[in-house]
């Protein structure tokens, strides 16, 4: 079985959450968001990011504004909205519950493996 597909699916599932986490710190344009995600090894390309940003904007979680740039055309800066912050808090709570559940299962697996090796 190929673990690459499972890893890719897990990453896709949390990208919207991660985008909100990134924008909770400061407004950014798409290239900055991509760079932030790459720094933490959540590689994403523009073709993946823009549909997610559009979906979050259409849901009211994000807004954007245009700013002039010294390095070329104006840039679209994304901002998390108040609704986005509320949503982020709810998803963050769910994430913490999920981590606790998964870690509990992982601990049980490790304990079972240790018991087998000690038998």
PDB file of N, CA and C in Angstrom:
ATOM      1  N   UNK A   1       0.841  -1.177   0.000  1.00  0.00           N
ATOM      2  CA  UNK A   1       0.000   0.000   0.000  1.00  0.00           C
ATOM      3  C   UNK A   1       0.891   1.247   0.000  1.00  0.00           C
ATOM      4  N   UNK A   2       0.482   2.255  -0.737  1.00  0.00           N
ATOM      5  CA  UNK A   2       1.256   3.479  -0.900  1.00  0.00           C
ATOM      6  C   UNK A   2       0.848   4.502   0.164  1.00  0.00           C
ATOM      7  N   UNK A   3       1.794   4.899   0.997  1.00  0.00           N
ATOM      8  CA  UNK A   3       1.498   5.879   2.047  1.00  0.00           C
ATOM      9  C   UNK A   3       1.462   7.304   1.519  1.00  0.00           C
ATOM     10  N   UNK A   4       2.031   7.538   0.336  1.00  0.00           N
ATOM     11  CA  UNK A   4       2.032   8.897  -0.228  1.00  0.00           C
ATOM     12  C   UNK A   4       0.614   9.418  -0.399  1.00  0.00           C
ATOM     13  N   UNK A   5      -0.289   8.597  -0.887  1.00  0.00           N
ATOM     14  CA  UNK A   5      -1.671   9.021  -1.092  1.00  0.00           C
ATOM     15  C   UNK A   5      -2.346   9.336   0.244  1.00  0.00           C
ATOM     16  N   UNK A   6      -2.124   8.504   1.237  1.00  0.00           N
ATOM     17  CA  UNK A   6      -2.716   8.753   2.565  1.00  0.00           C
ATOM     18  C   UNK A   6      -2.185  10.054   3.145  1.00  0.00           C
ATOM     19  N   UNK A   7      -0.885  10.293   3.004  1.00  0.00           N
ATOM     20  CA  UNK A   7      -0.289  11.538   3.495  1.00  0.00           C
ATOM     21  C   UNK A   7      -0.867  12.749   2.778  1.00  0.00           C
ATOM     22  N   UNK A   8      -1.012  12.649   1.453  1.00  0.00           N
ATOM     23  CA  UNK A   8      -1.559  13.759   0.666  1.00  0.00           C
ATOM     24  C   UNK A   8      -2.996  14.054   1.086  1.00  0.00           C
ATOM     25  N   UNK A   9      -3.785  13.020   1.313  1.00  0.00           N
ATOM     26  CA  UNK A   9      -5.184  13.220   1.726  1.00  0.00           C
ATOM     27  C   UNK A   9      -5.271  13.867   3.107  1.00  0.00           C
ATOM     28  N   UNK A  10      -4.406  13.470   4.028  1.00  0.00           N
ATOM     29  CA  UNK A  10      -4.406  14.097   5.350  1.00  0.00           C
ATOM     30  C   UNK A  10      -4.055  15.572   5.236  1.00  0.00           C
ATOM     31  N   UNK A  11      -3.057  15.885   4.438  1.00  0.00           N
ATOM     32  CA  UNK A  11      -2.642  17.280   4.267  1.00  0.00           C
ATOM     33  C   UNK A  11      -3.757  18.110   3.635  1.00  0.00           C
ATOM     34  N   UNK A  12      -4.401  17.571   2.609  1.00  0.00           N
ATOM     35  CA  UNK A  12      -5.495  18.291   1.956  1.00  0.00           C
ATOM     36  C   UNK A  12      -6.605  18.591   2.951  1.00  0.00           C
ATOM     37  N   UNK A  13      -6.870  17.638   3.815  1.00  0.00           N
ATOM     38  CA  UNK A  13      -7.949  17.790   4.781  1.00  0.00           C
ATOM     39  C   UNK A  13      -7.724  18.897   5.791  1.00  0.00           C
ATOM     40  N   UNK A  14      -6.491  19.268   6.033  1.00  0.00           N
ATOM     41  CA  UNK A  14      -6.230  20.294   7.044  1.00  0.00           C
ATOM     42  C   UNK A  14      -5.752  21.622   6.463  1.00  0.00           C
ATOM     43  N   UNK A  15      -5.657  21.721   5.140  1.00  0.00           N
ATOM     44  CA  UNK A  15      -5.153  22.954   4.533  1.00  0.00           C
ATOM     45  C   UNK A  15      -6.014  24.174   4.847  1.00  0.00           C
ATOM     46  N   UNK A  16      -7.337  24.029   4.795  1.00  0.00           N
ATOM     47  CA  UNK A  16      -8.193  25.183   5.088  1.00  0.00           C
ATOM     48  C   UNK A  16      -7.982  25.658   6.527  1.00  0.00           C
ATOM     49  N   UNK A  17      -7.832  24.734   7.441  1.00  0.00           N
ATOM     50  CA  UNK A  17      -7.540  25.058   8.841  1.00  0.00           C
ATOM     51  C   UNK A  17      -6.205  25.792   8.929  1.00  0.00           C
ATOM     52  N   UNK A  18      -5.199  25.283   8.219  1.00  0.00           N
ATOM     53  CA  UNK A  18      -3.865  25.879   8.264  1.00  0.00           C
ATOM     54  C   UNK A  18      -3.847  27.280   7.652  1.00  0.00           C
ATOM     55  N   UNK A  19      -4.616  27.499   6.597  1.00  0.00           N
ATOM     56  CA  UNK A  19      -4.696  28.830   5.994  1.00  0.00           C
ATOM     57  C   UNK A  19      -5.238  29.825   7.013  1.00  0.00           C
ATOM     58  N   UNK A  20      -6.281  29.442   7.737  1.00  0.00           N
ATOM     59  CA  UNK A  20      -6.838  30.328   8.760  1.00  0.00           C
ATOM     60  C   UNK A  20      -5.821  30.573   9.873  1.00  0.00           C
ATOM     61  N   UNK A  21      -5.080  29.539  10.264  1.00  0.00           N
ATOM     62  CA  UNK A  21      -4.051  29.715  11.291  1.00  0.00           C
ATOM     63  C   UNK A  21      -3.002  30.728  10.843  1.00  0.00           C
ATOM     64  N   UNK A  22      -2.576  30.633   9.586  1.00  0.00           N
ATOM     65  CA  UNK A  22      -1.573  31.556   9.052  1.00  0.00           C
ATOM     66  C   UNK A  22      -2.110  32.981   9.042  1.00  0.00           C
ATOM     67  N   UNK A  23      -3.344  33.151   8.573  1.00  0.00           N
ATOM     68  CA  UNK A  23      -3.912  34.495   8.453  1.00  0.00           C
ATOM     69  C   UNK A  23      -4.362  35.068   9.792  1.00  0.00           C
ATOM     70  N   UNK A  24      -4.448  34.246  10.812  1.00  0.00           N
ATOM     71  CA  UNK A  24      -4.805  34.753  12.146  1.00  0.00           C
ATOM     72  C   UNK A  24      -3.696  35.641  12.698  1.00  0.00           C
ATOM     73  N   UNK A  25      -2.472  35.477  12.198  1.00  0.00           N
ATOM     74  CA  UNK A  25      -1.331  36.260  12.670  1.00  0.00           C
ATOM     75  C   UNK A  25      -1.208  37.596  11.956  1.00  0.00           C
ATOM     76  N   UNK A  26      -1.426  37.583  10.632  1.00  0.00           N
ATOM     77  CA  UNK A  26      -1.344  38.838   9.874  1.00  0.00           C
ATOM     78  C   UNK A  26      -1.920  38.628   8.478  1.00  0.00           C
ATOM     79  N   UNK A  27      -2.298  39.714   7.847  1.00  0.00           N
ATOM     80  CA  UNK A  27      -2.790  39.678   6.480  1.00  0.00           C
ATOM     81  C   UNK A  27      -1.642  39.296   5.552  1.00  0.00           C
ATOM     82  N   UNK A  28      -1.965  38.534   4.517  1.00  0.00           N
ATOM     83  CA  UNK A  28      -0.920  38.087   3.590  1.00  0.00           C
ATOM     84  C   UNK A  28      -1.482  37.960   2.193  1.00  0.00           C
ATOM     85  N   UNK A  29      -0.574  37.993   1.224  1.00  0.00           N
ATOM     86  CA  UNK A  29      -0.983  37.655  -0.139  1.00  0.00           C
ATOM     87  C   UNK A  29      -0.610  36.197  -0.392  1.00  0.00           C
ATOM     88  N   UNK A  30      -1.122  35.662  -1.473  1.00  0.00           N
ATOM     89  CA  UNK A  30      -1.038  34.216  -1.713  1.00  0.00           C
ATOM     90  C   UNK A  30       0.388  33.676  -1.646  1.00  0.00           C
ATOM     91  N   UNK A  31       1.333  34.373  -2.228  1.00  0.00           N
ATOM     92  CA  UNK A  31       2.727  33.884  -2.218  1.00  0.00           C
ATOM     93  C   UNK A  31       3.263  33.756  -0.795  1.00  0.00           C
ATOM     94  N   UNK A  32       2.895  34.706   0.071  1.00  0.00           N
ATOM     95  CA  UNK A  32       3.320  34.627   1.477  1.00  0.00           C
ATOM     96  C   UNK A  32       2.684  33.426   2.177  1.00  0.00           C
ATOM     97  N   UNK A  33       1.421  33.176   1.879  1.00  0.00           N
ATOM     98  CA  UNK A  33       0.722  32.030   2.482  1.00  0.00           C
ATOM     99  C   UNK A  33       1.417  30.739   2.056  1.00  0.00           C
ATOM    100  N   UNK A  34       1.709  30.633   0.769  1.00  0.00           N
ATOM    101  CA  UNK A  34       2.404  29.438   0.262  1.00  0.00           C
ATOM    102  C   UNK A  34       3.747  29.271   0.959  1.00  0.00           C
ATOM    103  N   UNK A  35       4.503  30.353   1.087  1.00  0.00           N
ATOM    104  CA  UNK A  35       5.810  30.271   1.751  1.00  0.00           C
ATOM    105  C   UNK A  35       5.682  29.833   3.204  1.00  0.00           C
ATOM    106  N   UNK A  36       4.683  30.355   3.916  1.00  0.00           N
ATOM    107  CA  UNK A  36       4.466  29.949   5.314  1.00  0.00           C
ATOM    108  C   UNK A  36       4.181  28.454   5.394  1.00  0.00           C
ATOM    109  N   UNK A  37       3.340  27.966   4.494  1.00  0.00           N
ATOM    110  CA  UNK A  37       2.988  26.543   4.500  1.00  0.00           C
ATOM    111  C   UNK A  37       4.196  25.677   4.123  1.00  0.00           C
ATOM    112  N   UNK A  38       5.006  26.160   3.195  1.00  0.00           N
ATOM    113  CA  UNK A  38       6.211  25.412   2.815  1.00  0.00           C
ATOM    114  C   UNK A  38       7.207  25.343   3.966  1.00  0.00           C
ATOM    115  N   UNK A  39       7.299  26.412   4.743  1.00  0.00           N
ATOM    116  CA  UNK A  39       8.236  26.426   5.875  1.00  0.00           C
ATOM    117  C   UNK A  39       7.933  25.325   6.883  1.00  0.00           C
ATOM    118  N   UNK A  40       6.663  24.954   7.006  1.00  0.00           N
ATOM    119  CA  UNK A  40       6.289  23.905   7.959  1.00  0.00           C
ATOM    120  C   UNK A  40       6.004  22.578   7.241  1.00  0.00           C
ATOM    121  N   UNK A  41       6.518  22.495   6.011  1.00  0.00           N
ATOM    122  CA  UNK A  41       6.457  21.271   5.218  1.00  0.00           C
ATOM    123  C   UNK A  41       5.046  20.866   4.796  1.00  0.00           C
ATOM    124  N   UNK A  42       4.158  21.854   4.682  1.00  0.00           N
ATOM    125  CA  UNK A  42       2.836  21.629   4.099  1.00  0.00           C
ATOM    126  C   UNK A  42       2.870  22.223   2.694  1.00  0.00           C
ATOM    127  N   UNK A  43       3.561  21.517   1.803  1.00  0.00           N
ATOM    128  CA  UNK A  43       3.779  22.019   0.451  1.00  0.00           C
ATOM    129  C   UNK A  43       2.425  22.186  -0.245  1.00  0.00           C
ATOM    130  N   UNK A  44       2.232  23.352  -0.812  1.00  0.00           N
ATOM    131  CA  UNK A  44       1.005  23.632  -1.547  1.00  0.00           C
ATOM    132  C   UNK A  44       1.377  24.513  -2.739  1.00  0.00           C
ATOM    133  N   UNK A  45       0.666  24.358  -3.828  1.00  0.00           N
ATOM    134  CA  UNK A  45       0.918  25.157  -5.029  1.00  0.00           C
ATOM    135  C   UNK A  45      -0.253  26.104  -5.243  1.00  0.00           C
ATOM    136  N   UNK A  46      -0.036  27.111  -6.091  1.00  0.00           N
ATOM    137  CA  UNK A  46      -1.077  28.112  -6.329  1.00  0.00           C
ATOM    138  C   UNK A  46      -2.373  27.474  -6.803  1.00  0.00           C
ATOM    139  N   UNK A  47      -2.276  26.451  -7.643  1.00  0.00           N
ATOM    140  CA  UNK A  47      -3.468  25.784  -8.162  1.00  0.00           C
ATOM    141  C   UNK A  47      -4.308  25.129  -7.078  1.00  0.00           C
ATOM    142  N   UNK A  48      -3.702  24.819  -5.954  1.00  0.00           N
ATOM    143  CA  UNK A  48      -4.426  24.268  -4.806  1.00  0.00           C
ATOM    144  C   UNK A  48      -4.908  25.387  -3.901  1.00  0.00           C
ATOM    145  N   UNK A  49      -4.077  26.408  -3.708  1.00  0.00           N
ATOM    146  CA  UNK A  49      -4.381  27.465  -2.750  1.00  0.00           C
ATOM    147  C   UNK A  49      -5.542  28.356  -3.180  1.00  0.00           C
ATOM    148  N   UNK A  50      -5.531  28.816  -4.421  1.00  0.00           N
ATOM    149  CA  UNK A  50      -6.542  29.791  -4.842  1.00  0.00           C
ATOM    150  C   UNK A  50      -7.982  29.294  -4.714  1.00  0.00           C
ATOM    151  N   UNK A  51      -8.290  28.055  -5.097  1.00  0.00           N
ATOM    152  CA  UNK A  51      -9.668  27.583  -4.880  1.00  0.00           C
ATOM    153  C   UNK A  51     -10.057  27.553  -3.393  1.00  0.00           C
ATOM    154  N   UNK A  52      -9.094  27.211  -2.521  1.00  0.00           N
ATOM    155  CA  UNK A  52      -9.379  27.201  -1.085  1.00  0.00           C
ATOM    156  C   UNK A  52      -9.635  28.615  -0.575  1.00  0.00           C
ATOM    157  N   UNK A  53      -8.818  29.568  -1.020  1.00  0.00           N
ATOM    158  CA  UNK A  53      -9.014  30.965  -0.616  1.00  0.00           C
ATOM    159  C   UNK A  53     -10.372  31.480  -1.103  1.00  0.00           C
ATOM    160  N   UNK A  54     -10.722  31.148  -2.334  1.00  0.00           N
ATOM    161  CA  UNK A  54     -12.012  31.580  -2.880  1.00  0.00           C
ATOM    162  C   UNK A  54     -13.165  30.978  -2.093  1.00  0.00           C
ATOM    163  N   UNK A  55     -13.070  29.700  -1.774  1.00  0.00           N
ATOM    164  CA  UNK A  55     -14.123  29.038  -0.999  1.00  0.00           C
ATOM    165  C   UNK A  55     -14.260  29.679   0.382  1.00  0.00           C
ATOM    166  N   UNK A  56     -13.134  29.974   1.029  1.00  0.00           N
ATOM    167  CA  UNK A  56     -13.179  30.593   2.353  1.00  0.00           C
ATOM    168  C   UNK A  56     -13.716  32.023   2.268  1.00  0.00           C
ATOM    169  N   UNK A  57     -13.377  32.748   1.212  1.00  0.00           N
ATOM    170  CA  UNK A  57     -13.906  34.097   1.025  1.00  0.00           C
ATOM    171  C   UNK A  57     -15.413  34.043   0.802  1.00  0.00           C
ATOM    172  N   UNK A  58     -15.860  33.127  -0.049  1.00  0.00           N
ATOM    173  CA  UNK A  58     -17.294  32.998  -0.332  1.00  0.00           C
ATOM    174  C   UNK A  58     -18.090  32.561   0.895  1.00  0.00           C
ATOM    175  N   UNK A  59     -17.433  31.876   1.820  1.00  0.00           N
ATOM    176  CA  UNK A  59     -18.078  31.446   3.072  1.00  0.00           C
ATOM    177  C   UNK A  59     -18.045  32.534   4.138  1.00  0.00           C
ATOM    178  N   UNK A  60     -17.375  33.639   3.852  1.00  0.00           N
ATOM    179  CA  UNK A  60     -17.302  34.741   4.807  1.00  0.00           C
ATOM    180  C   UNK A  60     -16.189  34.599   5.830  1.00  0.00           C
ATOM    181  N   UNK A  61     -15.321  33.614   5.649  1.00  0.00           N
ATOM    182  CA  UNK A  61     -14.223  33.400   6.596  1.00  0.00           C
ATOM    183  C   UNK A  61     -13.052  34.337   6.326  1.00  0.00           C
ATOM    184  N   UNK A  62     -12.916  34.755   5.074  1.00  0.00           N
ATOM    185  CA  UNK A  62     -11.840  35.650   4.656  1.00  0.00           C
ATOM    186  C   UNK A  62     -12.415  36.811   3.861  1.00  0.00           C
ATOM    187  N   UNK A  63     -11.670  37.889   3.845  1.00  0.00           N
ATOM    188  CA  UNK A  63     -11.934  38.991   2.920  1.00  0.00           C
ATOM    189  C   UNK A  63     -10.589  39.342   2.299  1.00  0.00           C
ATOM    190  N   UNK A  64     -10.599  40.256   1.350  1.00  0.00           N
ATOM    191  CA  UNK A  64      -9.331  40.670   0.758  1.00  0.00           C
ATOM    192  C   UNK A  64      -9.392  42.140   0.373  1.00  0.00           C
ATOM    193  N   UNK A  65      -8.213  42.683   0.168  1.00  0.00           N
ATOM    194  CA  UNK A  65      -8.076  44.053  -0.303  1.00  0.00           C
ATOM    195  C   UNK A  65      -6.898  44.096  -1.266  1.00  0.00           C
ATOM    196  N   UNK A  66      -6.923  45.060  -2.164  1.00  0.00           N
ATOM    197  CA  UNK A  66      -5.830  45.240  -3.110  1.00  0.00           C
ATOM    198  C   UNK A  66      -4.883  46.297  -2.579  1.00  0.00           C
ATOM    199  N   UNK A  67      -3.589  46.040  -2.683  1.00  0.00           N
ATOM    200  CA  UNK A  67      -2.567  47.022  -2.297  1.00  0.00           C
ATOM    201  C   UNK A  67      -1.565  47.171  -3.421  1.00  0.00           C
ATOM    202  N   UNK A  68      -1.160  48.402  -3.648  1.00  0.00           N
ATOM    203  CA  UNK A  68      -0.118  48.668  -4.638  1.00  0.00           C
ATOM    204  C   UNK A  68       1.183  48.016  -4.180  1.00  0.00           C
ATOM    205  N   UNK A  69       1.982  47.624  -5.162  1.00  0.00           N
ATOM    206  CA  UNK A  69       3.263  46.977  -4.860  1.00  0.00           C
ATOM    207  C   UNK A  69       4.380  47.704  -5.585  1.00  0.00           C
ATOM    208  N   UNK A  70       5.525  47.828  -4.929  1.00  0.00           N
ATOM    209  CA  UNK A  70       6.709  48.408  -5.560  1.00  0.00           C
ATOM    210  C   UNK A  70       7.349  47.438  -6.537  1.00  0.00           C
ATOM    211  N   UNK A  71       6.964  46.164  -6.453  1.00  0.00           N
ATOM    212  CA  UNK A  71       7.618  45.118  -7.241  1.00  0.00           C
ATOM    213  C   UNK A  71       6.732  44.583  -8.356  1.00  0.00           C
ATOM    214  N   UNK A  72       5.740  45.352  -8.811  1.00  0.00           N
ATOM    215  CA  UNK A  72       4.890  44.867  -9.887  1.00  0.00           C
ATOM    216  C   UNK A  72       3.458  45.304  -9.710  1.00  0.00           C
ATOM    217  N   UNK A  73       2.551  44.479 -10.180  1.00  0.00           N
ATOM    218  CA  UNK A  73       1.132  44.851 -10.118  1.00  0.00           C
ATOM    219  C   UNK A  73       0.613  44.835  -8.680  1.00  0.00           C
ATOM    220  N   UNK A  74      -0.574  45.419  -8.456  1.00  0.00           N
ATOM    221  CA  UNK A  74      -1.157  45.386  -7.110  1.00  0.00           C
ATOM    222  C   UNK A  74      -1.317  43.946  -6.616  1.00  0.00           C
ATOM    223  N   UNK A  75      -1.272  43.793  -5.306  1.00  0.00           N
ATOM    224  CA  UNK A  75      -1.384  42.464  -4.694  1.00  0.00           C
ATOM    225  C   UNK A  75      -2.675  42.361  -3.900  1.00  0.00           C
ATOM    226  N   UNK A  76      -3.245  41.168  -3.928  1.00  0.00           N
ATOM    227  CA  UNK A  76      -4.463  40.890  -3.175  1.00  0.00           C
ATOM    228  C   UNK A  76      -4.055  40.333  -1.815  1.00  0.00           C
ATOM    229  N   UNK A  77      -4.335  41.100  -0.756  1.00  0.00           N
ATOM    230  CA  UNK A  77      -4.030  40.666   0.601  1.00  0.00           C
ATOM    231  C   UNK A  77      -5.276  40.071   1.237  1.00  0.00           C
ATOM    232  N   UNK A  78      -5.121  38.879   1.793  1.00  0.00           N
ATOM    233  CA  UNK A  78      -6.229  38.184   2.443  1.00  0.00           C
ATOM    234  C   UNK A  78      -6.222  38.471   3.935  1.00  0.00           C
ATOM    235  N   UNK A  79      -7.421  38.609   4.490  1.00  0.00           N
ATOM    236  CA  UNK A  79      -7.622  38.917   5.907  1.00  0.00           C
ATOM    237  C   UNK A  79      -8.642  37.946   6.470  1.00  0.00           C
ATOM    238  N   UNK A  80      -8.391  37.445   7.657  1.00  0.00           N
ATOM    239  CA  UNK A  80      -9.390  36.611   8.325  1.00  0.00           C
ATOM    240  C   UNK A  80     -10.470  37.538   8.899  1.00  0.00           C
ATOM    241  N   UNK A  81     -11.722  37.157   8.728  1.00  0.00           N
ATOM    242  CA  UNK A  81     -12.841  37.951   9.239  1.00  0.00           C
ATOM    243  C   UNK A  81     -13.175  37.527  10.664  1.00  0.00           C
ATOM    244  N   UNK A  82     -14.086  38.245  11.286  1.00  0.00           N
ATOM    245  CA  UNK A  82     -14.530  37.853  12.633  1.00  0.00           C
ATOM    246  C   UNK A  82     -15.183  36.473  12.586  1.00  0.00           C
ATOM    247  N   UNK A  83     -15.989  36.230  11.555  1.00  0.00           N
ATOM    248  CA  UNK A  83     -16.590  34.903  11.381  1.00  0.00           C
ATOM    249  C   UNK A  83     -15.499  33.850  11.202  1.00  0.00           C
ATOM    250  N   UNK A  84     -14.441  34.207  10.470  1.00  0.00           N
ATOM    251  CA  UNK A  84     -13.314  33.301  10.280  1.00  0.00           C
ATOM    252  C   UNK A  84     -12.611  32.984  11.590  1.00  0.00           C
ATOM    253  N   UNK A  85     -12.479  33.996  12.459  1.00  0.00           N
ATOM    254  CA  UNK A  85     -11.853  33.763  13.773  1.00  0.00           C
ATOM    255  C   UNK A  85     -12.717  32.841  14.636  1.00  0.00           C
ATOM    256  N   UNK A  86     -14.016  33.042  14.594  1.00  0.00           N
ATOM    257  CA  UNK A  86     -14.917  32.166  15.352  1.00  0.00           C
ATOM    258  C   UNK A  86     -14.825  30.737  14.833  1.00  0.00           C
ATOM    259  N   UNK A  87     -14.843  30.595  13.503  1.00  0.00           N
ATOM    260  CA  UNK A  87     -14.734  29.286  12.882  1.00  0.00           C
ATOM    261  C   UNK A  87     -13.402  28.632  13.239  1.00  0.00           C
ATOM    262  N   UNK A  88     -12.322  29.422  13.189  1.00  0.00           N
ATOM    263  CA  UNK A  88     -10.993  28.918  13.542  1.00  0.00           C
ATOM    264  C   UNK A  88     -10.973  28.399  14.972  1.00  0.00           C
ATOM    265  N   UNK A  89     -11.570  29.122  15.899  1.00  0.00           N
ATOM    266  CA  UNK A  89     -11.618  28.662  17.298  1.00  0.00           C
ATOM    267  C   UNK A  89     -12.349  27.341  17.421  1.00  0.00           C
ATOM    268  N   UNK A  90     -13.460  27.195  16.702  1.00  0.00           N
ATOM    269  CA  UNK A  90     -14.227  25.943  16.746  1.00  0.00           C
ATOM    270  C   UNK A  90     -13.423  24.779  16.151  1.00  0.00           C
ATOM    271  N   UNK A  91     -12.786  25.031  15.005  1.00  0.00           N
ATOM    272  CA  UNK A  91     -11.995  23.976  14.362  1.00  0.00           C
ATOM    273  C   UNK A  91     -10.777  23.636  15.214  1.00  0.00           C
ATOM    274  N   UNK A  92     -10.198  24.646  15.853  1.00  0.00           N
ATOM    275  CA  UNK A  92      -9.049  24.411  16.724  1.00  0.00           C
ATOM    276  C   UNK A  92      -9.444  23.502  17.891  1.00  0.00           C
ATOM    277  N   UNK A  93     -10.611  23.721  18.467  1.00  0.00           N
ATOM    278  CA  UNK A  93     -11.097  22.842  19.541  1.00  0.00           C
ATOM    279  C   UNK A  93     -11.296  21.419  19.026  1.00  0.00           C
ATOM    280  N   UNK A  94     -11.892  21.291  17.841  1.00  0.00           N
ATOM    281  CA  UNK A  94     -12.084  19.963  17.245  1.00  0.00           C
ATOM    282  C   UNK A  94     -10.745  19.291  16.970  1.00  0.00           C
ATOM    283  N   UNK A  95      -9.777  20.082  16.500  1.00  0.00           N
ATOM    284  CA  UNK A  95      -8.435  19.552  16.226  1.00  0.00           C
ATOM    285  C   UNK A  95      -7.809  19.000  17.502  1.00  0.00           C
ATOM    286  N   UNK A  96      -7.919  19.751  18.591  1.00  0.00           N
ATOM    287  CA  UNK A  96      -7.354  19.286  19.864  1.00  0.00           C
ATOM    288  C   UNK A  96      -8.016  17.994  20.334  1.00  0.00           C
ATOM    289  N   UNK A  97      -9.326  17.885  20.170  1.00  0.00           N
ATOM    290  CA  UNK A  97     -10.022  16.647  20.526  1.00  0.00           C
ATOM    291  C   UNK A  97      -9.548  15.490  19.651  1.00  0.00           C
ATOM    292  N   UNK A  98      -9.374  15.762  18.363  1.00  0.00           N
ATOM    293  CA  UNK A  98      -8.915  14.732  17.434  1.00  0.00           C
ATOM    294  C   UNK A  98      -7.516  14.251  17.791  1.00  0.00           C
ATOM    295  N   UNK A  99      -6.632  15.187  18.088  1.00  0.00           N
ATOM    296  CA  UNK A  99      -5.265  14.830  18.483  1.00  0.00           C
ATOM    297  C   UNK A  99      -5.280  13.949  19.730  1.00  0.00           C
ATOM    298  N   UNK A 100      -6.089  14.322  20.708  1.00  0.00           N
ATOM    299  CA  UNK A 100      -6.186  13.535  21.934  1.00  0.00           C
ATOM    300  C   UNK A 100      -6.659  12.118  21.630  1.00  0.00           C
ATOM    301  N   UNK A 101      -7.683  12.004  20.778  1.00  0.00           N
ATOM    302  CA  UNK A 101      -8.214  10.682  20.421  1.00  0.00           C
ATOM    303  C   UNK A 101      -7.181   9.840  19.687  1.00  0.00           C
ATOM    304  N   UNK A 102      -6.529  10.430  18.706  1.00  0.00           N
ATOM    305  CA  UNK A 102      -5.537   9.684  17.925  1.00  0.00           C
ATOM    306  C   UNK A 102      -4.355   9.287  18.809  1.00  0.00           C
ATOM    307  N   UNK A 103      -3.888  10.201  19.660  1.00  0.00           N
ATOM    308  CA  UNK A 103      -2.776   9.868  20.544  1.00  0.00           C
ATOM    309  C   UNK A 103      -3.154   8.770  21.530  1.00  0.00           C
ATOM    310  N   UNK A 104      -4.395   8.736  21.948  1.00  0.00           N
ATOM    311  CA  UNK A 104      -4.853   7.664  22.832  1.00  0.00           C
ATOM    312  C   UNK A 104      -4.772   6.314  22.112  1.00  0.00           C
ATOM    313  N   UNK A 105      -5.204   6.286  20.868  1.00  0.00           N
ATOM    314  CA  UNK A 105      -5.123   5.051  20.086  1.00  0.00           C
ATOM    315  C   UNK A 105      -3.673   4.652  19.820  1.00  0.00           C
ATOM    316  N   UNK A 106      -2.836   5.634  19.554  1.00  0.00           N
ATOM    317  CA  UNK A 106      -1.419   5.346  19.320  1.00  0.00           C
ATOM    318  C   UNK A 106      -0.778   4.786  20.585  1.00  0.00           C
ATOM    319  N   UNK A 107      -1.097   5.356  21.732  1.00  0.00           N
ATOM    320  CA  UNK A 107      -0.538   4.870  22.999  1.00  0.00           C
ATOM    321  C   UNK A 107      -0.980   3.443  23.272  1.00  0.00           C
ATOM    322  N   UNK A 108      -2.245   3.144  22.985  1.00  0.00           N
ATOM    323  CA  UNK A 108      -2.746   1.791  23.192  1.00  0.00           C
ATOM    324  C   UNK A 108      -2.011   0.803  22.291  1.00  0.00           C
ATOM    325  N   UNK A 109      -1.723   1.209  21.053  1.00  0.00           N
ATOM    326  CA  UNK A 109      -0.993   0.338  20.122  1.00  0.00           C
ATOM    327  C   UNK A 109       0.418   0.091  20.627  1.00  0.00           C
ATOM    328  N   UNK A 110       1.081   1.130  21.117  1.00  0.00           N
ATOM    329  CA  UNK A 110       2.456   1.001  21.626  1.00  0.00           C
ATOM    330  C   UNK A 110       2.474   0.104  22.866  1.00  0.00           C
ATOM    331  N   UNK A 111       1.508   0.300  23.759  1.00  0.00           N
ATOM    332  CA  UNK A 111       1.422  -0.521  24.970  1.00  0.00           C
ATOM    333  C   UNK A 111       1.198  -1.986  24.604  1.00  0.00           C
ATOM    334  N   UNK A 112       0.302  -2.250  23.648  1.00  0.00           N
ATOM    335  CA  UNK A 112       0.036  -3.618  23.216  1.00  0.00           C
ATOM    336  C   UNK A 112       1.283  -4.251  22.613  1.00  0.00           C
ATOM    337  N   UNK A 113       2.021  -3.482  21.810  1.00  0.00           N
ATOM    338  CA  UNK A 113       3.238  -3.999  21.196  1.00  0.00           C
ATOM    339  C   UNK A 113       4.292  -4.317  22.246  1.00  0.00           C
ATOM    340  N   UNK A 114       4.401  -3.460  23.283  1.00  0.00           N
ATOM    341  CA  UNK A 114       5.354  -3.702  24.364  1.00  0.00           C
ATOM    342  C   UNK A 114       4.975  -4.947  25.146  1.00  0.00           C
ATOM    343  N   UNK A 115       3.685  -5.135  25.381  1.00  0.00           N
ATOM    344  CA  UNK A 115       3.226  -6.321  26.107  1.00  0.00           C
ATOM    345  C   UNK A 115       3.527  -7.591  25.353  1.00  0.00           C
ATOM    346  N   UNK A 116       3.391  -7.538  24.028  1.00  0.00           N
ATOM    347  CA  UNK A 116       3.680  -8.708  23.206  1.00  0.00           C
ATOM    348  C   UNK A 116       5.176  -9.027  23.243  1.00  0.00           C
ATOM    349  N   UNK A 117       6.008  -7.978  23.160  1.00  0.00           N
ATOM    350  CA  UNK A 117       7.453  -8.223  23.153  1.00  0.00           C
ATOM    351  C   UNK A 117       7.971  -8.664  24.527  1.00  0.00           C
ATOM    352  N   UNK A 118       7.274  -8.318  25.594  1.00  0.00           N
ATOM    353  CA  UNK A 118       7.675  -8.717  26.939  1.00  0.00           C
ATOM    354  C   UNK A 118       7.160 -10.118  27.304  1.00  0.00           C
ATOM    355  N   UNK A 119       6.235 -10.636  26.509  1.00  0.00           N
ATOM    356  CA  UNK A 119       5.646 -11.939  26.843  1.00  0.00           C
ATOM    357  C   UNK A 119       6.566 -13.078  26.495  1.00  0.00           C
TER     358      UNK A 119
END
